[in-house]
Protein backbone atom coordinates (compact mmCIF):
# COMPACT_ATOMS: atom_id res chain seq x y z
CA MET A 1 0.00 0.00 0.00
CA THR A 2 1.39 3.38 -0.99
CA ASP A 3 1.65 6.33 1.39
CA GLU A 4 -1.16 8.07 -0.44
CA GLU A 5 -3.39 5.02 -0.16
CA LYS A 6 -2.62 4.82 3.57
CA LYS A 7 -3.63 8.46 4.03
CA ILE A 8 -6.89 7.89 2.18
CA ARG A 9 -7.65 4.82 4.29
CA GLU A 10 -6.82 6.61 7.55
CA SER A 11 -9.01 9.54 6.54
CA PHE A 12 -11.89 7.18 5.75
CA GLU A 13 -11.52 5.29 9.05
CA GLN A 14 -11.41 8.51 11.06
CA ARG A 15 -14.47 9.84 9.28
CA THR A 16 -16.36 6.56 9.82
CA TRP A 17 -15.44 6.54 13.52
CA ALA A 18 -16.61 10.12 13.95
CA GLU A 19 -19.90 9.38 12.20
CA THR A 20 -20.42 6.30 14.36
CA LYS A 21 -19.87 8.29 17.56
CA SER A 22 -22.31 10.93 16.36
CA ASN A 23 -24.96 8.35 15.50
CA ASP A 24 -24.51 6.62 18.85
CA ALA A 25 -24.96 9.89 20.70
CA TRP A 26 -28.11 10.83 18.80
CA SER A 27 -29.61 7.37 19.31
CA ILE A 28 -29.80 8.16 23.03
CA PHE A 29 -32.51 10.71 22.31
CA LYS A 30 -34.49 8.13 20.35
CA MET A 31 -34.26 5.73 23.29
CA MET A 32 -35.35 8.47 25.67
CA GLY A 33 -38.33 9.19 23.43
CA GLU A 34 -39.42 5.57 23.51
CA PHE A 35 -39.15 5.46 27.29
CA VAL A 36 -41.18 8.67 27.68
CA ASN A 37 -43.85 7.46 25.27
CA GLY A 38 -44.16 4.13 27.09
CA PHE A 39 -44.30 5.73 30.52
CA GLU A 40 -46.97 8.20 29.41
CA HIS A 41 -49.18 5.45 28.00
CA PHE A 42 -48.86 2.99 30.87
CA SER A 43 -48.26 5.06 34.02
CA GLN A 44 -51.96 4.96 35.00
CA ILE A 45 -52.78 1.52 33.69
CA GLY A 46 -53.32 -0.10 37.10
CA PRO A 47 -52.71 -3.73 38.11
CA CYS A 48 -51.88 -5.78 35.04
CA VAL A 49 -50.52 -9.19 34.13
CA SER A 50 -48.23 -9.70 31.14
CA ILE A 51 -49.01 -12.73 29.00
CA PHE A 52 -46.28 -14.10 26.75
CA GLY A 53 -46.06 -16.84 24.15
CA SER A 54 -45.42 -17.62 20.52
CA ALA A 55 -46.52 -15.24 17.77
CA ARG A 56 -46.85 -18.33 15.55
CA THR A 57 -49.63 -19.98 17.53
CA THR A 58 -52.74 -20.28 15.36
CA SER A 59 -56.31 -19.68 16.50
CA GLU A 60 -56.97 -23.43 16.18
CA ASN A 61 -54.21 -24.30 18.63
CA PRO A 62 -55.32 -25.28 22.17
CA TYR A 63 -52.78 -22.82 23.59
CA TYR A 64 -54.60 -19.96 21.83
CA LYS A 65 -57.84 -20.89 23.53
CA MET A 66 -56.09 -21.29 26.90
CA ALA A 67 -54.50 -17.84 26.59
CA THR A 68 -57.88 -16.29 25.76
CA GLU A 69 -59.46 -17.96 28.78
CA THR A 70 -56.59 -17.03 31.10
CA ALA A 71 -56.79 -13.36 30.12
CA TYR A 72 -60.57 -13.37 30.57
CA LEU A 73 -60.28 -14.89 34.06
CA LEU A 74 -57.66 -12.32 35.07
CA THR A 75 -59.92 -9.44 34.06
CA GLN A 76 -62.66 -10.90 36.24
CA LYS A 77 -60.26 -10.70 39.16
CA GLY A 78 -59.48 -7.01 38.57
CA PHE A 79 -56.36 -7.25 36.43
CA GLY A 80 -55.69 -5.79 33.02
CA VAL A 81 -53.58 -7.62 30.46
CA ILE A 82 -50.39 -6.55 28.69
CA THR A 83 -48.97 -8.43 25.71
CA GLY A 84 -46.34 -7.96 23.04
CA GLY A 85 -49.12 -6.66 20.83
CA GLY A 86 -48.75 -9.09 17.92
CA PRO A 87 -50.46 -12.25 16.68
CA GLY A 88 -50.62 -15.74 18.19
CA ILE A 89 -50.69 -15.96 21.98
CA MET A 90 -50.51 -12.17 22.20
CA GLU A 91 -53.66 -11.78 20.13
CA ALA A 92 -55.40 -14.50 22.13
CA ALA A 93 -54.63 -12.77 25.43
CA ASN A 94 -55.76 -9.35 24.21
CA LYS A 95 -58.91 -11.00 22.85
CA GLY A 96 -59.67 -12.53 26.25
CA ALA A 97 -59.07 -9.25 28.05
CA SER A 98 -61.35 -7.42 25.64
CA ALA A 99 -64.07 -10.07 26.05
CA GLY A 100 -63.86 -9.64 29.81
CA ASP A 101 -64.23 -5.84 29.54
CA GLY A 102 -60.76 -5.46 31.03
CA LYS A 103 -57.98 -3.19 29.91
CA SER A 104 -56.05 -4.64 27.01
CA ALA A 105 -52.58 -3.18 26.41
CA GLY A 106 -49.95 -3.96 23.79
CA CYS A 107 -46.21 -3.31 23.56
CA ASN A 108 -45.69 -3.94 19.88
CA ILE A 109 -42.24 -4.16 18.26
CA LYS A 110 -41.03 -3.11 14.82
CA LEU A 111 -39.53 -6.14 13.08
CA GLU A 112 -38.02 -6.79 9.67
CA PHE A 113 -40.89 -9.11 8.81
CA GLU A 114 -43.47 -6.59 10.07
CA GLN A 115 -45.36 -7.52 13.19
CA ASP A 116 -48.74 -5.81 12.95
CA ALA A 117 -50.60 -5.05 16.15
CA ASN A 118 -53.65 -7.22 16.78
CA LYS A 119 -57.14 -5.69 16.75
CA TYR A 120 -58.02 -6.48 20.37
CA ILE A 121 -55.75 -3.87 21.98
CA ASP A 122 -57.32 -0.72 23.45
CA GLU A 123 -56.52 2.13 21.10
CA ASP A 124 -55.01 4.31 23.82
CA LYS A 125 -52.88 1.47 25.20
CA LEU A 126 -50.87 0.46 22.16
CA VAL A 127 -47.24 1.52 21.91
CA THR A 128 -44.84 0.36 19.21
CA PHE A 129 -41.12 0.14 20.04
CA ASP A 130 -37.91 -0.12 18.04
CA TYR A 131 -35.85 -1.44 20.95
CA PHE A 132 -36.50 -4.80 22.56
CA PHE A 133 -34.85 -3.78 25.83
CA ILE A 134 -37.15 -0.77 26.26
CA ARG A 135 -40.16 -2.93 25.49
CA LYS A 136 -39.07 -5.39 28.20
CA VAL A 137 -38.73 -2.54 30.70
CA MET A 138 -42.41 -1.75 30.12
CA PHE A 139 -43.39 -5.36 30.79
CA MET A 140 -41.40 -5.41 34.00
CA LYS A 141 -42.41 -1.97 35.26
CA TYR A 142 -46.14 -2.22 34.69
CA SER A 143 -46.89 -5.90 35.38
CA GLN A 144 -47.87 -7.52 38.65
CA GLY A 145 -47.34 -10.99 37.24
CA PHE A 146 -46.24 -12.98 34.19
CA VAL A 147 -48.15 -15.82 32.56
CA VAL A 148 -45.98 -17.62 30.03
CA PHE A 149 -47.31 -19.90 27.31
CA PRO A 150 -45.20 -22.09 25.00
CA GLY A 151 -43.06 -19.99 22.71
CA GLY A 152 -39.66 -19.53 21.15
CA PHE A 153 -36.49 -17.58 21.86
CA GLY A 154 -38.33 -14.30 22.52
CA THR A 155 -40.58 -15.94 25.09
CA PHE A 156 -37.58 -17.54 26.79
CA ASP A 157 -35.78 -14.18 26.82
CA GLU A 158 -38.67 -12.47 28.60
CA LEU A 159 -39.16 -15.37 31.03
CA PHE A 160 -35.54 -15.69 32.12
CA GLU A 161 -35.03 -11.94 32.41
CA ALA A 162 -37.95 -11.81 34.84
CA ILE A 163 -36.57 -14.74 36.85
CA THR A 164 -33.10 -13.15 36.92
CA LEU A 165 -34.36 -9.76 38.11
CA ILE A 166 -36.34 -11.38 40.94
CA GLN A 167 -33.45 -13.71 41.81
CA THR A 168 -31.03 -10.77 42.07
CA LYS A 169 -33.60 -8.64 43.93
CA LYS A 170 -33.55 -5.94 41.28
CA VAL A 171 -37.34 -6.04 41.33
CA ALA A 172 -39.82 -7.08 43.99
CA LYS A 173 -40.97 -10.67 43.76
CA PHE A 174 -44.09 -11.23 41.66
CA PRO A 175 -45.77 -14.43 40.46
CA ILE A 176 -44.49 -16.14 37.31
CA VAL A 177 -46.74 -18.90 35.98
CA LEU A 178 -45.94 -21.19 33.06
CA LEU A 179 -48.79 -22.93 31.25
CA ASP A 180 -48.55 -26.56 30.14
CA LYS A 181 -46.38 -28.96 32.09
CA ALA A 182 -45.73 -31.09 29.01
CA TYR A 183 -43.98 -28.15 27.31
CA TRP A 184 -42.00 -26.75 30.24
CA SER A 185 -41.24 -29.67 32.53
CA GLY A 186 -38.35 -31.07 30.47
CA LEU A 187 -36.56 -27.71 30.45
CA PHE A 188 -36.91 -27.17 34.17
CA ALA A 189 -36.02 -30.76 34.98
CA TRP A 190 -32.70 -29.97 33.27
CA VAL A 191 -32.43 -26.72 35.24
CA LYS A 192 -32.89 -28.67 38.48
CA GLU A 193 -30.68 -31.65 37.64
CA VAL A 194 -27.83 -29.82 35.90
CA MET A 195 -27.84 -26.14 36.91
CA LEU A 196 -28.82 -26.76 40.52
CA GLU A 197 -27.77 -30.24 41.62
CA LYS A 198 -24.75 -30.94 39.39
CA GLU A 199 -23.15 -27.55 38.73
CA HIS A 200 -24.58 -25.53 41.67
CA ASN A 201 -25.09 -22.51 39.42
CA ILE A 202 -28.37 -21.55 41.11
CA ALA A 203 -29.74 -21.87 44.63
CA ALA A 204 -32.45 -24.33 45.65
CA GLY A 205 -34.79 -21.44 46.42
CA ASP A 206 -34.58 -20.24 42.83
CA MET A 207 -36.79 -23.15 41.82
CA ASP A 208 -39.58 -21.49 43.82
CA LEU A 209 -39.55 -18.34 41.68
CA PHE A 210 -42.02 -19.82 39.20
CA HIS A 211 -44.97 -22.21 38.98
CA ILE A 212 -45.79 -24.69 36.21
CA VAL A 213 -49.49 -25.50 35.79
CA ASP A 214 -51.87 -26.97 33.24
CA THR A 215 -55.02 -24.85 33.33
CA PRO A 216 -56.04 -21.19 33.06
CA GLU A 217 -57.90 -21.52 36.35
CA GLU A 218 -54.71 -22.58 38.16
CA ALA A 219 -52.76 -19.72 36.63
CA ALA A 220 -55.31 -17.07 37.58
CA LYS A 221 -55.65 -18.45 41.11
CA ILE A 222 -51.90 -18.32 41.76
CA ILE A 223 -51.80 -14.64 40.82
CA GLU A 224 -54.96 -13.80 42.76
CA ASP A 225 -53.75 -15.61 45.89
CA PHE A 226 -50.37 -13.87 45.74
CA TYR A 227 -51.97 -10.43 45.89
CA GLN A 228 -54.86 -11.05 48.27
CA HIS A 229 -53.13 -9.38 51.20
CA TYR A 230 -52.12 -6.33 49.11
CA LYS A 231 -55.75 -5.36 48.43
CA LEU A 232 -54.86 -4.13 44.96
CA LYS A 233 -57.53 -2.12 43.23
CA PRO A 234 -57.41 -1.21 39.53
CA ASN A 235 -57.08 2.51 38.78
CA PHE A 236 -57.90 2.33 35.07
């Protein structure tokens, strides 16, 4: 490489680095805007439960019907419902909340393959995010419980972040309920046998941070029982 070519390359690298720093700095304001928008929409939402699960679940799937029923039961106990705003389990949960005349909120996310918000979300309680981490903050900040249906990597991400934050006492303990023992039991058998008993990477008490059940009634009861002594009252 000639001296002139080196100078051109160095100039290009310096310019690219400067542009990157500038873009990084300005992106902070975009993040702040998403936080402010989320806080403004959800700050008065009242007691809510976040319901997670696969966006690929069809309306004919038994899990779809279970999510609809779970959301409906929660609204009858005074809770609103928050979802990721998209199709599948999210749509089912918003549908159940709407059928129960409860508040139905959605934290939608912009994706390359376009995730459209489902039609069962209250118009004033739909926010669309660019950043997954900001979206997860909204779930954590404005939920009094998590109900988790079978799903993929995104569902696992949300589930294990919640468990981690409770485990490390970064948030107050709240109920986490997983629906369908057949789907979840193998994973958490491995957690117990390998993570806990063999490698000692978690404490025995960490296995009490979640419940695995089979019915919507069980899920709703666990959340209701947890909060009985708090006398929570919706402020929608």
